[in-house]
Amino acid sequence: MPLSIRFRVRYAETDQMGVVHHAVYFVWFEHLRTEYFRDMGFPYGELEERGIFFPVIESGCRYLDGARYDEEVAVTGWLREPSGARVRIDYRVEQEGRNLAEGFTVHARTDAGGRPSRIPPEILEKMKEAASPATEGPPGGP
């Protein structure tokens, strides 16, 4: 199931032209991802206390239009393909019906030492319940 968050673009997120800098979209993706895990009942802080980490191992973004300072944006995420040690999340950034960006991140479950291991069954089950079918999400997907 998709999750969305809304917020206003902050001045520090824009470049000299007044447009959101391309790197900021990945900060927004992380914001959404943190809320997604919290919504599933697994806040990142609690996972890390248990020695469960999900570092990004792959990411991408396609920029379609620019957001500007003080405009409200919505970031929506779709959990995909949870299995074994990996999970993918797709993202869309929108504003008033305009699609601004589409992106994705792939994560590998690791321990505190960075060694990969399988996603614990209780977390994997919640991820599978929350996952969206490939037919949902950003058109054409990233």
N, C-alpha and C. Protein backbone atom coordinates (compact mmCIF):
# COMPACT_ATOMS: atom_id res chain seq x y z
N MET A 1 0.83 -1.16 0.00
CA MET A 1 0.00 0.00 0.00
C MET A 1 0.88 1.24 0.00
N PRO A 2 0.60 2.20 -0.84
CA PRO A 2 1.40 3.42 -0.90
C PRO A 2 1.26 4.26 0.36
N LEU A 3 2.27 5.04 0.65
CA LEU A 3 2.24 6.00 1.75
C LEU A 3 2.68 7.34 1.19
N SER A 4 2.00 8.43 1.61
CA SER A 4 2.35 9.78 1.14
C SER A 4 2.61 10.70 2.32
N ILE A 5 3.53 11.63 2.12
CA ILE A 5 3.76 12.71 3.06
C ILE A 5 3.77 14.02 2.28
N ARG A 6 3.32 15.09 2.93
CA ARG A 6 3.26 16.41 2.29
C ARG A 6 4.05 17.39 3.14
N PHE A 7 4.71 18.34 2.48
CA PHE A 7 5.45 19.37 3.19
C PHE A 7 5.80 20.49 2.22
N ARG A 8 6.25 21.61 2.75
CA ARG A 8 6.65 22.75 1.94
C ARG A 8 8.15 22.72 1.68
N VAL A 9 8.53 23.13 0.48
CA VAL A 9 9.95 23.22 0.11
C VAL A 9 10.58 24.33 0.95
N ARG A 10 11.69 24.00 1.58
CA ARG A 10 12.42 24.97 2.40
C ARG A 10 13.44 25.72 1.54
N TYR A 11 13.75 26.94 1.95
CA TYR A 11 14.68 27.78 1.20
C TYR A 11 16.03 27.10 1.00
N ALA A 12 16.53 26.42 2.03
CA ALA A 12 17.85 25.77 1.97
C ALA A 12 17.89 24.62 0.96
N GLU A 13 16.74 24.17 0.51
CA GLU A 13 16.69 23.06 -0.45
C GLU A 13 16.78 23.52 -1.90
N THR A 14 16.79 24.83 -2.10
CA THR A 14 16.81 25.35 -3.47
C THR A 14 18.20 25.82 -3.88
N ASP A 15 18.41 25.87 -5.18
CA ASP A 15 19.69 26.35 -5.71
C ASP A 15 19.59 27.83 -6.05
N GLN A 16 20.59 28.37 -6.68
CA GLN A 16 20.63 29.79 -7.01
C GLN A 16 19.48 30.20 -7.93
N MET A 17 18.94 29.25 -8.69
CA MET A 17 17.84 29.54 -9.60
C MET A 17 16.48 29.44 -8.92
N GLY A 18 16.49 29.10 -7.61
CA GLY A 18 15.24 28.99 -6.87
C GLY A 18 14.51 27.67 -7.05
N VAL A 19 15.19 26.69 -7.67
CA VAL A 19 14.61 25.38 -7.93
C VAL A 19 15.25 24.38 -6.96
N VAL A 20 14.46 23.41 -6.53
CA VAL A 20 14.98 22.39 -5.61
C VAL A 20 16.18 21.70 -6.26
N HIS A 21 17.28 21.62 -5.52
CA HIS A 21 18.51 20.96 -5.98
C HIS A 21 18.25 19.46 -6.14
N HIS A 22 18.83 18.86 -7.17
CA HIS A 22 18.56 17.46 -7.49
C HIS A 22 18.86 16.50 -6.33
N ALA A 23 19.88 16.78 -5.53
CA ALA A 23 20.24 15.88 -4.43
C ALA A 23 19.19 15.86 -3.33
N VAL A 24 18.40 16.92 -3.21
CA VAL A 24 17.40 17.01 -2.16
C VAL A 24 16.33 15.94 -2.31
N TYR A 25 16.05 15.51 -3.55
CA TYR A 25 15.02 14.49 -3.75
C TYR A 25 15.36 13.21 -2.99
N PHE A 26 16.64 12.89 -2.88
CA PHE A 26 17.04 11.69 -2.14
C PHE A 26 16.83 11.87 -0.64
N VAL A 27 16.97 13.10 -0.15
CA VAL A 27 16.65 13.40 1.26
C VAL A 27 15.15 13.21 1.47
N TRP A 28 14.34 13.67 0.53
CA TRP A 28 12.89 13.48 0.63
C TRP A 28 12.53 12.00 0.58
N PHE A 29 13.22 11.24 -0.28
CA PHE A 29 12.96 9.79 -0.33
C PHE A 29 13.25 9.15 1.03
N GLU A 30 14.35 9.58 1.65
CA GLU A 30 14.69 9.02 2.96
C GLU A 30 13.63 9.40 3.99
N HIS A 31 13.13 10.61 3.94
CA HIS A 31 12.07 11.05 4.85
C HIS A 31 10.86 10.13 4.70
N LEU A 32 10.44 9.90 3.46
CA LEU A 32 9.30 9.02 3.20
C LEU A 32 9.59 7.60 3.71
N ARG A 33 10.77 7.12 3.41
CA ARG A 33 11.16 5.75 3.80
C ARG A 33 11.12 5.57 5.32
N THR A 34 11.59 6.55 6.05
CA THR A 34 11.57 6.50 7.51
C THR A 34 10.13 6.42 8.01
N GLU A 35 9.25 7.22 7.42
CA GLU A 35 7.85 7.19 7.83
C GLU A 35 7.18 5.88 7.42
N TYR A 36 7.58 5.32 6.29
CA TYR A 36 7.02 4.05 5.82
C TYR A 36 7.34 2.93 6.83
N PHE A 37 8.61 2.86 7.26
CA PHE A 37 9.00 1.85 8.24
C PHE A 37 8.25 2.07 9.55
N ARG A 38 8.13 3.33 9.98
CA ARG A 38 7.40 3.64 11.21
C ARG A 38 5.95 3.19 11.08
N ASP A 39 5.33 3.47 9.93
CA ASP A 39 3.94 3.10 9.68
C ASP A 39 3.75 1.58 9.74
N MET A 40 4.76 0.82 9.34
CA MET A 40 4.68 -0.65 9.41
C MET A 40 4.92 -1.16 10.83
N GLY A 41 5.30 -0.27 11.75
CA GLY A 41 5.55 -0.68 13.13
C GLY A 41 7.00 -0.95 13.44
N PHE A 42 7.91 -0.50 12.55
CA PHE A 42 9.34 -0.73 12.72
C PHE A 42 10.13 0.57 12.57
N PRO A 43 10.05 1.46 13.58
CA PRO A 43 10.85 2.70 13.48
C PRO A 43 12.33 2.36 13.33
N TYR A 44 13.02 3.11 12.47
CA TYR A 44 14.44 2.84 12.21
C TYR A 44 15.27 2.75 13.48
N GLY A 45 15.04 3.67 14.43
CA GLY A 45 15.81 3.65 15.67
C GLY A 45 15.70 2.33 16.41
N GLU A 46 14.50 1.77 16.46
CA GLU A 46 14.29 0.48 17.12
C GLU A 46 14.97 -0.65 16.35
N LEU A 47 14.89 -0.59 15.02
CA LEU A 47 15.57 -1.62 14.22
C LEU A 47 17.07 -1.58 14.47
N GLU A 48 17.65 -0.38 14.48
CA GLU A 48 19.09 -0.26 14.69
C GLU A 48 19.49 -0.76 16.08
N GLU A 49 18.64 -0.51 17.09
CA GLU A 49 18.92 -1.04 18.43
C GLU A 49 18.97 -2.57 18.43
N ARG A 50 18.21 -3.17 17.51
CA ARG A 50 18.19 -4.63 17.38
C ARG A 50 19.30 -5.14 16.45
N GLY A 51 20.12 -4.22 15.91
CA GLY A 51 21.19 -4.61 15.01
C GLY A 51 20.73 -4.88 13.59
N ILE A 52 19.60 -4.28 13.20
CA ILE A 52 19.02 -4.46 11.86
C ILE A 52 19.15 -3.14 11.11
N PHE A 53 19.86 -3.18 9.99
CA PHE A 53 20.09 -1.99 9.17
C PHE A 53 19.64 -2.26 7.75
N PHE A 54 19.25 -1.20 7.04
CA PHE A 54 18.82 -1.30 5.64
C PHE A 54 19.52 -0.23 4.81
N PRO A 55 20.84 -0.33 4.60
CA PRO A 55 21.53 0.68 3.80
C PRO A 55 21.08 0.63 2.33
N VAL A 56 21.17 1.78 1.70
CA VAL A 56 20.87 1.88 0.26
C VAL A 56 22.01 1.23 -0.51
N ILE A 57 21.68 0.32 -1.42
CA ILE A 57 22.70 -0.31 -2.26
C ILE A 57 22.55 0.08 -3.73
N GLU A 58 21.42 0.73 -4.05
CA GLU A 58 21.19 1.20 -5.42
C GLU A 58 20.12 2.28 -5.36
N SER A 59 20.24 3.30 -6.20
CA SER A 59 19.22 4.35 -6.23
C SER A 59 19.21 5.02 -7.60
N GLY A 60 18.11 5.67 -7.88
CA GLY A 60 18.00 6.41 -9.12
C GLY A 60 16.85 7.39 -9.06
N CYS A 61 16.90 8.40 -9.92
CA CYS A 61 15.83 9.39 -9.96
C CYS A 61 15.75 9.97 -11.36
N ARG A 62 14.54 10.12 -11.83
CA ARG A 62 14.27 10.79 -13.10
C ARG A 62 13.54 12.09 -12.78
N TYR A 63 14.14 13.22 -13.17
CA TYR A 63 13.59 14.54 -12.86
C TYR A 63 12.74 15.01 -14.03
N LEU A 64 11.50 15.39 -13.73
CA LEU A 64 10.57 15.75 -14.78
C LEU A 64 10.20 17.23 -14.78
N ASP A 65 10.19 17.84 -13.59
CA ASP A 65 9.84 19.25 -13.46
C ASP A 65 10.40 19.73 -12.13
N GLY A 66 10.60 21.01 -11.96
CA GLY A 66 11.22 21.52 -10.75
C GLY A 66 10.25 22.08 -9.73
N ALA A 67 10.48 21.77 -8.48
CA ALA A 67 9.73 22.38 -7.39
C ALA A 67 10.49 23.65 -6.97
N ARG A 68 9.78 24.58 -6.38
CA ARG A 68 10.38 25.85 -5.98
C ARG A 68 10.08 26.13 -4.51
N TYR A 69 10.85 27.05 -3.97
CA TYR A 69 10.73 27.45 -2.57
C TYR A 69 9.28 27.74 -2.19
N ASP A 70 8.89 27.24 -1.02
CA ASP A 70 7.61 27.47 -0.36
C ASP A 70 6.43 26.80 -1.05
N GLU A 71 6.67 26.03 -2.09
CA GLU A 71 5.60 25.27 -2.71
C GLU A 71 5.41 23.97 -1.92
N GLU A 72 4.17 23.50 -1.85
CA GLU A 72 3.90 22.24 -1.17
C GLU A 72 4.09 21.09 -2.15
N VAL A 73 4.77 20.04 -1.68
CA VAL A 73 4.98 18.85 -2.50
C VAL A 73 4.46 17.64 -1.73
N ALA A 74 4.15 16.59 -2.48
CA ALA A 74 3.76 15.31 -1.89
C ALA A 74 4.75 14.27 -2.38
N VAL A 75 5.29 13.50 -1.46
CA VAL A 75 6.17 12.39 -1.80
C VAL A 75 5.41 11.11 -1.45
N THR A 76 5.26 10.24 -2.43
CA THR A 76 4.56 8.98 -2.24
C THR A 76 5.53 7.84 -2.50
N GLY A 77 5.44 6.80 -1.69
CA GLY A 77 6.32 5.65 -1.86
C GLY A 77 5.54 4.35 -1.91
N TRP A 78 6.10 3.40 -2.66
CA TRP A 78 5.54 2.07 -2.80
C TRP A 78 6.62 1.06 -2.49
N LEU A 79 6.36 0.22 -1.52
CA LEU A 79 7.28 -0.85 -1.18
C LEU A 79 7.13 -1.95 -2.24
N ARG A 80 8.27 -2.46 -2.72
CA ARG A 80 8.25 -3.49 -3.77
C ARG A 80 9.29 -4.57 -3.48
N GLU A 81 8.99 -5.73 -3.97
CA GLU A 81 9.96 -6.83 -4.06
C GLU A 81 10.69 -7.16 -2.76
N PRO A 82 9.99 -7.24 -1.60
CA PRO A 82 10.72 -7.66 -0.40
C PRO A 82 10.97 -9.17 -0.45
N SER A 83 12.22 -9.57 -0.36
CA SER A 83 12.56 -10.99 -0.33
C SER A 83 14.00 -11.16 0.12
N GLY A 84 14.27 -12.25 0.79
CA GLY A 84 15.63 -12.53 1.22
C GLY A 84 16.20 -11.41 2.06
N ALA A 85 17.20 -10.74 1.51
CA ALA A 85 17.87 -9.66 2.22
C ALA A 85 17.58 -8.29 1.60
N ARG A 86 16.77 -8.25 0.54
CA ARG A 86 16.58 -6.99 -0.20
C ARG A 86 15.14 -6.53 -0.25
N VAL A 87 15.00 -5.20 -0.39
CA VAL A 87 13.70 -4.60 -0.60
C VAL A 87 13.89 -3.35 -1.46
N ARG A 88 12.93 -3.08 -2.32
CA ARG A 88 12.96 -1.90 -3.19
C ARG A 88 11.78 -1.01 -2.82
N ILE A 89 12.02 0.30 -2.87
CA ILE A 89 10.96 1.28 -2.69
C ILE A 89 10.97 2.22 -3.88
N ASP A 90 9.81 2.41 -4.50
CA ASP A 90 9.65 3.36 -5.59
C ASP A 90 9.02 4.63 -5.02
N TYR A 91 9.35 5.77 -5.63
CA TYR A 91 8.89 7.07 -5.14
C TYR A 91 8.36 7.92 -6.28
N ARG A 92 7.43 8.80 -5.93
CA ARG A 92 6.97 9.83 -6.87
C ARG A 92 6.84 11.13 -6.08
N VAL A 93 7.32 12.22 -6.65
CA VAL A 93 7.17 13.55 -6.06
C VAL A 93 6.22 14.32 -6.95
N GLU A 94 5.15 14.84 -6.35
CA GLU A 94 4.12 15.54 -7.12
C GLU A 94 3.80 16.89 -6.49
N GLN A 95 3.21 17.73 -7.32
CA GLN A 95 2.74 19.02 -6.86
C GLN A 95 1.55 19.43 -7.70
N GLU A 96 0.41 19.57 -7.05
CA GLU A 96 -0.81 20.01 -7.74
C GLU A 96 -1.02 19.26 -9.05
N GLY A 97 -0.91 17.94 -9.01
CA GLY A 97 -1.16 17.12 -10.19
C GLY A 97 0.01 17.00 -11.16
N ARG A 98 1.08 17.76 -10.92
CA ARG A 98 2.28 17.68 -11.77
C ARG A 98 3.23 16.66 -11.18
N ASN A 99 3.72 15.78 -12.03
CA ASN A 99 4.71 14.79 -11.60
C ASN A 99 6.09 15.44 -11.72
N LEU A 100 6.76 15.64 -10.58
CA LEU A 100 8.05 16.32 -10.56
C LEU A 100 9.23 15.38 -10.70
N ALA A 101 9.11 14.20 -10.10
CA ALA A 101 10.23 13.25 -10.13
C ALA A 101 9.73 11.85 -9.81
N GLU A 102 10.44 10.85 -10.34
CA GLU A 102 10.20 9.44 -10.03
C GLU A 102 11.53 8.82 -9.68
N GLY A 103 11.55 8.07 -8.60
CA GLY A 103 12.82 7.48 -8.18
C GLY A 103 12.64 6.13 -7.52
N PHE A 104 13.76 5.57 -7.10
CA PHE A 104 13.73 4.28 -6.40
C PHE A 104 14.98 4.15 -5.55
N THR A 105 14.88 3.31 -4.53
CA THR A 105 16.03 2.89 -3.76
C THR A 105 15.90 1.39 -3.52
N VAL A 106 17.05 0.72 -3.51
CA VAL A 106 17.10 -0.71 -3.17
C VAL A 106 17.95 -0.81 -1.91
N HIS A 107 17.47 -1.61 -0.97
CA HIS A 107 18.13 -1.75 0.33
C HIS A 107 18.48 -3.20 0.60
N ALA A 108 19.61 -3.41 1.26
CA ALA A 108 20.00 -4.75 1.70
C ALA A 108 20.00 -4.76 3.22
N ARG A 109 19.43 -5.77 3.79
CA ARG A 109 19.45 -5.90 5.25
C ARG A 109 20.86 -6.31 5.67
N THR A 110 21.43 -5.58 6.62
CA THR A 110 22.75 -5.94 7.13
C THR A 110 22.71 -5.89 8.66
N ASP A 111 23.77 -6.44 9.25
CA ASP A 111 23.93 -6.29 10.70
C ASP A 111 24.77 -5.04 10.95
N ALA A 112 25.08 -4.78 12.22
CA ALA A 112 25.82 -3.56 12.57
C ALA A 112 27.20 -3.51 11.93
N GLY A 113 27.77 -4.68 11.60
CA GLY A 113 29.08 -4.73 10.97
C GLY A 113 29.02 -4.63 9.45
N GLY A 114 27.82 -4.46 8.89
CA GLY A 114 27.68 -4.33 7.44
C GLY A 114 27.59 -5.65 6.70
N ARG A 115 27.46 -6.75 7.42
CA ARG A 115 27.34 -8.06 6.78
C ARG A 115 25.89 -8.32 6.40
N PRO A 116 25.63 -8.69 5.14
CA PRO A 116 24.26 -8.96 4.72
C PRO A 116 23.68 -10.19 5.42
N SER A 117 22.39 -10.13 5.65
CA SER A 117 21.66 -11.28 6.19
C SER A 117 20.20 -11.13 5.81
N ARG A 118 19.46 -12.19 5.97
CA ARG A 118 18.05 -12.19 5.58
C ARG A 118 17.24 -11.23 6.44
N ILE A 119 16.20 -10.68 5.85
CA ILE A 119 15.27 -9.84 6.60
C ILE A 119 14.55 -10.74 7.60
N PRO A 120 14.51 -10.34 8.89
CA PRO A 120 13.82 -11.17 9.88
C PRO A 120 12.37 -11.46 9.45
N PRO A 121 11.89 -12.68 9.70
CA PRO A 121 10.56 -13.08 9.21
C PRO A 121 9.42 -12.13 9.58
N GLU A 122 9.41 -11.59 10.82
CA GLU A 122 8.31 -10.71 11.22
C GLU A 122 8.33 -9.40 10.43
N ILE A 123 9.51 -8.93 10.06
CA ILE A 123 9.63 -7.71 9.26
C ILE A 123 9.29 -8.01 7.80
N LEU A 124 9.80 -9.11 7.29
CA LEU A 124 9.53 -9.50 5.91
C LEU A 124 8.03 -9.68 5.68
N GLU A 125 7.35 -10.29 6.64
CA GLU A 125 5.90 -10.50 6.51
C GLU A 125 5.17 -9.17 6.44
N LYS A 126 5.53 -8.22 7.31
CA LYS A 126 4.90 -6.89 7.28
C LYS A 126 5.19 -6.18 5.96
N MET A 127 6.43 -6.32 5.47
CA MET A 127 6.79 -5.70 4.19
C MET A 127 5.95 -6.28 3.05
N LYS A 128 5.78 -7.59 3.06
CA LYS A 128 4.98 -8.23 2.00
C LYS A 128 3.53 -7.77 2.07
N GLU A 129 3.01 -7.61 3.29
CA GLU A 129 1.64 -7.11 3.45
C GLU A 129 1.51 -5.69 2.92
N ALA A 130 2.53 -4.86 3.13
CA ALA A 130 2.49 -3.46 2.72
C ALA A 130 2.86 -3.26 1.25
N ALA A 131 3.50 -4.25 0.64
CA ALA A 131 4.00 -4.10 -0.73
C ALA A 131 2.88 -3.88 -1.72
N SER A 132 3.16 -3.06 -2.73
CA SER A 132 2.22 -2.78 -3.81
C SER A 132 2.55 -3.65 -5.00
N PRO A 133 1.52 -4.11 -5.70
CA PRO A 133 1.80 -4.87 -6.93
C PRO A 133 2.49 -3.99 -7.96
N ALA A 134 3.17 -4.62 -8.89
CA ALA A 134 3.92 -3.89 -9.92
C ALA A 134 3.01 -3.00 -10.76
N THR A 135 1.70 -3.26 -10.76
CA THR A 135 0.78 -2.44 -11.55
C THR A 135 0.44 -1.12 -10.88
N GLU A 136 0.77 -0.97 -9.58
CA GLU A 136 0.55 0.30 -8.89
C GLU A 136 1.82 1.12 -8.91
N GLY A 137 1.67 2.41 -8.65
CA GLY A 137 2.86 3.22 -8.49
C GLY A 137 3.10 4.13 -9.66
N PRO A 138 4.31 4.64 -9.74
CA PRO A 138 4.63 5.61 -10.79
C PRO A 138 4.42 5.03 -12.17
N PRO A 139 3.78 5.77 -13.05
CA PRO A 139 3.59 5.28 -14.41
C PRO A 139 4.93 4.99 -15.07
N GLY A 140 5.05 3.81 -15.62
CA GLY A 140 6.30 3.43 -16.28
C GLY A 140 7.37 3.04 -15.31
N GLY A 141 7.19 3.35 -14.02
CA GLY A 141 8.15 3.00 -12.97
C GLY A 141 9.57 3.38 -13.33
N PRO A 142 10.37 3.66 -12.35
CA PRO A 142 11.77 3.96 -12.61
C PRO A 142 12.56 2.72 -12.89
